Amino acid sequence: MTSSRPILVFDLDDTLYNELSYVRSGLRAVAAFAAAETGADEAALLGLLEAALDEDRSGVFDRAFARAGVRSSRLVRRCVGVYRTHTPTLSLHPAAERCLDRFSDHRTFLVTDGNTTA
């Protein structure tokens, strides 16, 4: 039996949430983790991570940790895991929240090109 209720499909990144909010939330989680692992200052690490992100989105952890004097491929791999599995601090775009509220009686689906293992 086919339902006659409309189906709404939403993209996650930059439609419901600002993708950069997720990225910065992940950097905060990584800074906390890396500081606990290395004894480095968390705020300083976060500053280096954000500066590396602002330069280029590739190799952020490698570049930031190198600037902090930490060279460890094992730490970078672990930080990638922390980043991918952290519980993000996010807020819905206000318009997205209104839309979801307005159509709350519809079936909704979410699509994303994000990490499928998280």
Protein backbone atom coordinates (compact mmCIF):
# COMPACT_ATOMS: atom_id res chain seq x y z
CA MET A 1 0.00 0.00 0.00
CA THR A 2 1.39 3.38 -0.99
CA SER A 3 1.04 6.32 1.36
CA SER A 4 -0.44 9.50 -0.06
CA ARG A 5 1.44 11.65 2.46
CA PRO A 6 4.17 13.76 0.87
CA ILE A 7 7.77 12.92 1.60
CA LEU A 8 10.23 15.71 2.34
CA VAL A 9 13.95 15.18 1.82
CA PHE A 10 16.51 17.52 3.36
CA ASP A 11 20.24 17.85 2.88
CA LEU A 12 22.11 18.12 6.16
CA ASP A 13 25.15 20.28 5.36
CA ASP A 14 24.43 23.97 4.87
CA THR A 15 20.71 23.35 4.55
CA LEU A 16 19.65 22.33 8.04
CA TYR A 17 22.94 23.12 9.76
CA ASN A 18 25.93 25.26 8.91
CA GLU A 19 28.65 22.78 7.96
CA LEU A 20 31.37 25.03 9.35
CA SER A 21 29.67 24.81 12.77
CA TYR A 22 30.20 21.05 12.66
CA VAL A 23 33.82 21.50 11.61
CA ARG A 24 34.58 23.97 14.40
CA SER A 25 32.81 21.75 16.94
CA GLY A 26 35.05 18.90 15.81
CA LEU A 27 38.16 21.04 16.15
CA ARG A 28 37.19 21.85 19.74
CA ALA A 29 36.83 18.13 20.47
CA VAL A 30 40.20 17.41 18.84
CA ALA A 31 41.92 20.22 20.75
CA ALA A 32 40.61 18.85 24.06
CA PHE A 33 41.66 15.31 23.19
CA ALA A 34 45.10 16.28 21.87
CA ALA A 35 45.78 18.51 24.87
CA ALA A 36 44.98 15.63 27.24
CA GLU A 37 47.22 13.30 25.22
CA THR A 38 50.20 15.63 24.86
CA GLY A 39 50.00 18.04 27.79
CA ALA A 40 49.81 20.95 25.35
CA ASP A 41 47.61 23.94 26.05
CA GLU A 42 44.08 23.27 24.73
CA ALA A 43 43.33 26.88 23.79
CA ALA A 44 46.64 27.17 21.95
CA LEU A 45 45.96 23.94 20.06
CA LEU A 46 42.50 25.13 19.13
CA GLY A 47 43.96 28.38 17.82
CA LEU A 48 46.46 26.45 15.69
CA LEU A 49 43.74 24.12 14.38
CA GLU A 50 41.48 27.04 13.45
CA ALA A 51 44.35 28.89 11.77
CA ALA A 52 45.23 25.77 9.75
CA LEU A 53 41.57 25.39 8.75
CA ASP A 54 41.40 29.00 7.62
CA GLU A 55 44.43 28.40 5.36
CA ASP A 56 43.31 25.16 3.73
CA ARG A 57 40.93 22.36 4.70
CA SER A 58 43.38 19.57 3.89
CA GLY A 59 46.00 18.40 6.38
CA VAL A 60 44.66 20.60 9.18
CA PHE A 61 45.73 18.29 12.01
CA ASP A 62 49.19 17.63 10.58
CA ARG A 63 49.93 21.33 10.07
CA ALA A 64 48.54 22.47 13.41
CA PHE A 65 50.34 19.81 15.42
CA ALA A 66 53.61 20.44 13.58
CA ARG A 67 53.34 24.13 14.55
CA ALA A 68 52.79 23.00 18.14
CA GLY A 69 55.95 20.89 17.93
CA VAL A 70 54.02 17.62 17.94
CA ARG A 71 54.76 15.23 15.10
CA SER A 72 52.85 12.01 15.48
CA SER A 73 50.97 10.22 12.72
CA ARG A 74 49.38 8.03 15.41
CA LEU A 75 47.99 11.10 17.19
CA VAL A 76 46.68 12.49 13.90
CA ARG A 77 44.88 9.19 13.15
CA ARG A 78 43.35 9.17 16.62
CA CYS A 79 42.28 12.80 16.23
CA VAL A 80 40.59 12.00 12.92
CA GLY A 81 38.57 9.39 14.85
CA VAL A 82 37.73 11.93 17.57
CA TYR A 83 36.64 14.43 14.93
CA ARG A 84 34.44 11.95 13.08
CA THR A 85 32.75 10.54 16.18
CA HIS A 86 32.41 13.62 18.38
CA THR A 87 28.96 14.75 19.45
CA PRO A 88 28.68 18.08 17.67
CA THR A 89 27.44 21.30 19.17
CA LEU A 90 25.06 22.57 16.47
CA SER A 91 21.97 24.66 16.05
CA LEU A 92 19.49 24.37 13.23
CA HIS A 93 19.29 27.28 10.83
CA PRO A 94 16.25 29.25 12.10
CA ALA A 95 14.47 28.91 8.75
CA ALA A 96 15.12 25.16 8.74
CA GLU A 97 13.68 24.86 12.23
CA ARG A 98 10.53 26.73 11.15
CA CYS A 99 10.22 24.52 8.07
CA LEU A 100 10.58 21.30 10.06
CA ASP A 101 8.00 22.52 12.56
CA ARG A 102 5.60 23.53 9.79
CA PHE A 103 5.83 20.16 8.06
CA SER A 104 6.18 17.98 11.16
CA ASP A 105 3.27 15.79 10.03
CA HIS A 106 5.13 14.79 6.83
CA ARG A 107 7.53 11.90 6.46
CA THR A 108 11.04 13.33 6.35
CA PHE A 109 14.34 11.93 5.20
CA LEU A 110 17.87 13.23 5.53
CA VAL A 111 20.65 12.99 2.98
CA THR A 112 24.29 13.87 3.51
CA ASP A 113 27.65 13.28 1.94
CA GLY A 114 29.18 13.07 5.40
CA ASN A 115 31.03 10.16 6.99
CA THR A 116 28.88 7.03 6.83
CA THR A 117 30.64 5.34 9.78
CA ALA A 118 29.78 7.99 12.34
